[in-house]
Amino acid sequence: MTQELTPQIMLGAYAAGLFPMASDAADTTLRWYDPDPRGILPLDGFHLPRRLRRTVLSGQFDVCVDRDFPAIMRACAAPAPGRETTWINSEIYRLFCALHDMGFSHSVECWQNGELVGGLYGVALGGAFFGESMFSRTTDASKVALVHLVARLRLCGFVVLDTQFGTEHLARFGGEEIPAADYKAMLEKAVSMQPRWQENIPPDVLAAEIRNM
């Protein structure tokens, strides 16, 4: 079944509120998930701690989008302390790289001295962004990427940032869990919107939005 899975089927599943995962990176199959409750990060209610705001605006990271999407996926799939295995297998990698080539999957990347040190990726569909995974090789890199993602989504008029599951980490930023029925009502409206993702947002506009969080 996974051999027949196409990017188009993936988009239809996301629009219906489903997402795929493998049990671990060595697993050759994918399973569909539809959790209840569902994790979201309200864009208008995003909480940005002052210390992190200073870090984001300090310029210590060169933050960009879609410079090296495959590298972000490989980094998210790589084992790390406390995370010896991940749910990103070769089939996930293939499908999301294909979605990226089609203009639906995007990465937010943190670079430092020419080295990729953190970032995240997900799927943009209409006015919904489905966050998939993030990684960090230096302090605060993935958090900075998340702040930049939220600023970008707010500026572009997105209405849903899906985090799949709620976590303590995301709760610090305002993340919450809502009933799946409420999520799907929000999602139906979001995916019916015209595509909202914009790649080229001036840095000063992003910085102003971050200051206003």
Protein backbone atom coordinates (compact mmCIF):
# COMPACT_ATOMS: atom_id res chain seq x y z
CA MET A 1 0.00 0.00 0.00
CA THR A 2 2.78 2.44 0.82
CA GLN A 3 4.28 1.90 -2.65
CA GLU A 4 1.07 3.33 -4.13
CA LEU A 5 1.00 6.34 -1.83
CA THR A 6 1.35 9.54 -3.85
CA PRO A 7 1.80 13.20 -2.92
CA GLN A 8 -1.75 13.84 -4.16
CA ILE A 9 -3.14 11.25 -1.74
CA MET A 10 -1.10 12.86 1.03
CA LEU A 11 -2.66 16.25 0.33
CA GLY A 12 -6.16 14.77 0.40
CA ALA A 13 -5.41 13.09 3.72
CA TYR A 14 -4.09 16.31 5.27
CA ALA A 15 -7.18 18.18 4.10
CA ALA A 16 -9.30 15.57 5.90
CA GLY A 17 -7.28 15.84 9.13
CA LEU A 18 -5.07 12.74 8.75
CA PHE A 19 -1.29 12.50 8.80
CA PRO A 20 1.15 9.59 8.28
CA MET A 21 3.92 8.31 10.54
CA ALA A 22 6.16 5.27 10.68
CA SER A 23 6.70 3.45 13.98
CA ASP A 24 10.44 4.11 13.57
CA ALA A 25 12.92 5.01 10.84
CA ALA A 26 13.57 1.33 10.01
CA ASP A 27 9.87 0.61 9.45
CA THR A 28 8.96 0.35 5.77
CA THR A 29 5.25 1.03 6.29
CA LEU A 30 3.22 4.11 7.21
CA ARG A 31 0.23 4.43 9.49
CA TRP A 32 -2.43 7.13 9.39
CA TYR A 33 -3.22 9.10 12.54
CA ASP A 34 -6.27 11.14 13.49
CA PRO A 35 -5.77 12.06 17.18
CA ASP A 36 -8.54 13.30 19.45
CA PRO A 37 -7.84 15.74 21.00
CA ARG A 38 -5.76 17.52 18.37
CA GLY A 39 -2.78 19.75 19.07
CA ILE A 40 -2.76 23.27 17.64
CA LEU A 41 -0.76 26.44 18.21
CA PRO A 42 -3.14 29.42 18.01
CA LEU A 43 -1.43 32.06 15.89
CA ASP A 44 -3.08 35.02 17.63
CA GLY A 45 -2.36 33.55 21.07
CA PHE A 46 1.31 32.71 20.50
CA HIS A 47 3.37 33.43 23.62
CA LEU A 48 6.91 34.67 22.94
CA PRO A 49 9.12 34.89 26.06
CA ARG A 50 11.18 38.09 26.28
CA ARG A 51 14.51 36.29 26.40
CA LEU A 52 13.69 34.31 23.28
CA ARG A 53 12.49 37.48 21.53
CA ARG A 54 15.90 39.05 22.18
CA THR A 55 17.61 35.94 20.79
CA VAL A 56 15.43 35.90 17.67
CA LEU A 57 16.10 39.58 16.96
CA SER A 58 19.82 39.44 17.82
CA GLY A 59 20.84 38.25 14.38
CA GLN A 60 22.92 35.36 15.69
CA PHE A 61 21.10 33.05 13.25
CA ASP A 62 20.65 33.48 9.52
CA VAL A 63 17.00 32.40 9.19
CA CYS A 64 15.61 31.51 5.77
CA VAL A 65 13.02 29.27 4.15
CA ASP A 66 13.46 26.40 1.70
CA ARG A 67 17.19 26.86 1.17
CA ASP A 68 17.86 23.15 1.71
CA PHE A 69 14.64 21.27 2.41
CA PRO A 70 16.15 17.75 2.06
CA ALA A 71 18.85 18.64 4.61
CA ILE A 72 16.19 19.71 7.11
CA MET A 73 14.39 16.39 6.66
CA ARG A 74 17.60 14.40 7.09
CA ALA A 75 18.44 16.35 10.24
CA CYS A 76 14.96 15.78 11.68
CA ALA A 77 15.30 12.05 10.95
CA ALA A 78 18.76 11.72 12.51
CA PRO A 79 19.11 10.16 15.96
CA ALA A 80 19.86 12.57 18.80
CA PRO A 81 20.38 12.27 22.57
CA GLY A 82 17.08 11.28 24.08
CA ARG A 83 15.69 10.55 20.62
CA GLU A 84 17.50 7.46 19.40
CA THR A 85 14.92 6.77 16.69
CA THR A 86 12.36 8.84 14.81
CA TRP A 87 9.18 8.24 12.82
CA ILE A 88 10.73 9.61 9.60
CA ASN A 89 11.52 6.69 7.30
CA SER A 90 12.60 6.63 3.66
CA GLU A 91 8.99 6.73 2.44
CA ILE A 92 8.22 9.84 4.51
CA TYR A 93 11.39 11.44 3.15
CA ARG A 94 10.43 10.63 -0.45
CA LEU A 95 6.87 11.90 -0.13
CA PHE A 96 7.70 15.15 1.62
CA CYS A 97 10.52 15.97 -0.78
CA ALA A 98 8.02 15.41 -3.61
CA LEU A 99 5.52 17.72 -1.87
CA HIS A 100 8.30 20.29 -1.56
CA ASP A 101 9.02 20.06 -5.28
CA MET A 102 5.29 20.68 -5.87
CA GLY A 103 5.32 23.77 -3.63
CA PHE A 104 3.42 22.35 -0.64
CA SER A 105 6.13 21.38 1.87
CA HIS A 106 8.36 24.07 3.33
CA SER A 107 11.26 24.40 5.73
CA VAL A 108 12.31 27.20 8.06
CA GLU A 109 16.06 26.98 8.56
CA CYS A 110 18.56 28.44 11.04
CA TRP A 111 22.11 28.76 9.75
CA GLN A 112 25.20 29.85 11.70
CA ASN A 113 28.61 30.42 10.14
CA GLY A 114 27.43 28.62 7.02
CA GLU A 115 26.25 25.57 8.95
CA LEU A 116 22.68 24.32 9.33
CA VAL A 117 22.07 24.29 13.10
CA GLY A 118 18.29 24.01 13.44
CA GLY A 119 14.94 24.21 11.75
CA LEU A 120 11.59 22.66 11.04
CA TYR A 121 9.38 21.58 8.16
CA GLY A 122 5.72 21.07 7.40
CA VAL A 123 2.96 21.26 4.81
CA ALA A 124 1.11 24.41 3.74
CA LEU A 125 -2.37 23.86 2.32
CA GLY A 126 -4.60 26.90 1.83
CA GLY A 127 -4.62 28.74 5.15
CA ALA A 128 -3.42 25.75 7.19
CA PHE A 129 0.15 24.80 8.06
CA PHE A 130 0.79 21.28 9.33
CA GLY A 131 3.95 21.22 11.44
CA GLU A 132 5.82 17.94 11.11
CA SER A 133 9.16 17.92 12.88
CA MET A 134 11.99 20.15 14.13
CA PHE A 135 15.59 19.76 15.26
CA SER A 136 18.28 21.78 16.98
CA ARG A 137 22.05 21.41 17.06
CA THR A 138 22.64 24.53 19.14
CA THR A 139 20.73 26.33 21.89
CA ASP A 140 17.42 27.89 20.81
CA ALA A 141 17.83 27.18 17.07
CA SER A 142 14.57 25.23 16.70
CA LYS A 143 12.73 27.78 18.87
CA VAL A 144 13.95 30.61 16.66
CA ALA A 145 12.71 28.71 13.61
CA LEU A 146 9.30 28.28 15.27
CA VAL A 147 9.03 31.99 16.03
CA HIS A 148 9.90 32.84 12.43
CA LEU A 149 7.32 30.33 11.21
CA VAL A 150 4.58 31.87 13.37
CA ALA A 151 5.49 35.39 12.25
CA ARG A 152 5.39 34.32 8.61
CA LEU A 153 2.05 32.53 8.99
CA ARG A 154 0.50 35.53 10.74
CA LEU A 155 1.69 37.91 8.04
CA CYS A 156 0.38 35.63 5.29
CA GLY A 157 -3.07 35.25 6.82
CA PHE A 158 -2.91 31.60 7.88
CA VAL A 159 -5.61 30.53 10.32
CA VAL A 160 -4.46 27.07 11.48
CA LEU A 161 -1.07 25.87 12.75
CA ASP A 162 -1.47 22.14 13.39
CA THR A 163 0.99 20.52 15.81
CA GLN A 164 -0.66 17.06 15.71
CA PHE A 165 -0.26 16.41 19.42
CA GLY A 166 -0.04 18.72 22.41
CA THR A 167 3.25 18.79 24.36
CA GLU A 168 4.60 20.59 27.41
CA HIS A 169 7.16 22.28 25.18
CA LEU A 170 4.50 23.71 22.85
CA ALA A 171 2.25 24.66 25.79
CA ARG A 172 4.91 27.19 26.82
CA PHE A 173 4.22 29.01 23.56
CA GLY A 174 0.44 28.85 23.89
CA GLY A 175 -0.09 25.43 22.34
CA GLU A 176 -3.28 23.63 23.30
CA GLU A 177 -5.37 20.57 22.54
CA ILE A 178 -8.89 20.86 21.17
CA PRO A 179 -11.57 18.28 20.26
CA ALA A 180 -10.96 16.70 16.87
CA ALA A 181 -14.42 17.81 15.71
CA ASP A 182 -13.55 21.46 16.42
CA TYR A 183 -10.22 21.06 14.68
CA LYS A 184 -11.80 19.61 11.55
CA ALA A 185 -14.34 22.45 11.39
CA MET A 186 -11.45 24.93 11.51
CA LEU A 187 -9.50 22.88 8.99
CA GLU A 188 -12.33 22.71 6.46
CA LYS A 189 -12.43 26.51 6.28
CA ALA A 190 -8.64 26.83 6.23
CA VAL A 191 -7.95 24.44 3.35
CA SER A 192 -10.67 26.09 1.22
CA MET A 193 -8.68 29.36 1.26
CA GLN A 194 -6.40 30.38 -1.56
CA PRO A 195 -2.76 29.35 -0.98
CA ARG A 196 -1.29 31.66 1.66
CA TRP A 197 2.41 30.73 1.75
CA GLN A 198 4.77 33.48 0.61
CA GLU A 199 8.48 32.84 0.33
CA ASN A 200 9.78 36.37 -0.01
CA ILE A 201 8.85 38.43 3.05
CA PRO A 202 11.23 41.34 3.77
CA PRO A 203 13.34 40.76 6.90
CA ASP A 204 12.28 44.10 8.39
CA VAL A 205 8.62 43.12 8.04
CA LEU A 206 9.26 39.80 9.80
CA ALA A 207 11.22 41.55 12.56
CA ALA A 208 8.38 44.03 13.13
CA GLU A 209 5.88 41.18 13.43
CA ILE A 210 8.13 39.38 15.93
CA ARG A 211 8.42 42.55 18.03
CA ASN A 212 4.62 42.76 18.11
CA MET A 213 4.13 39.23 19.44
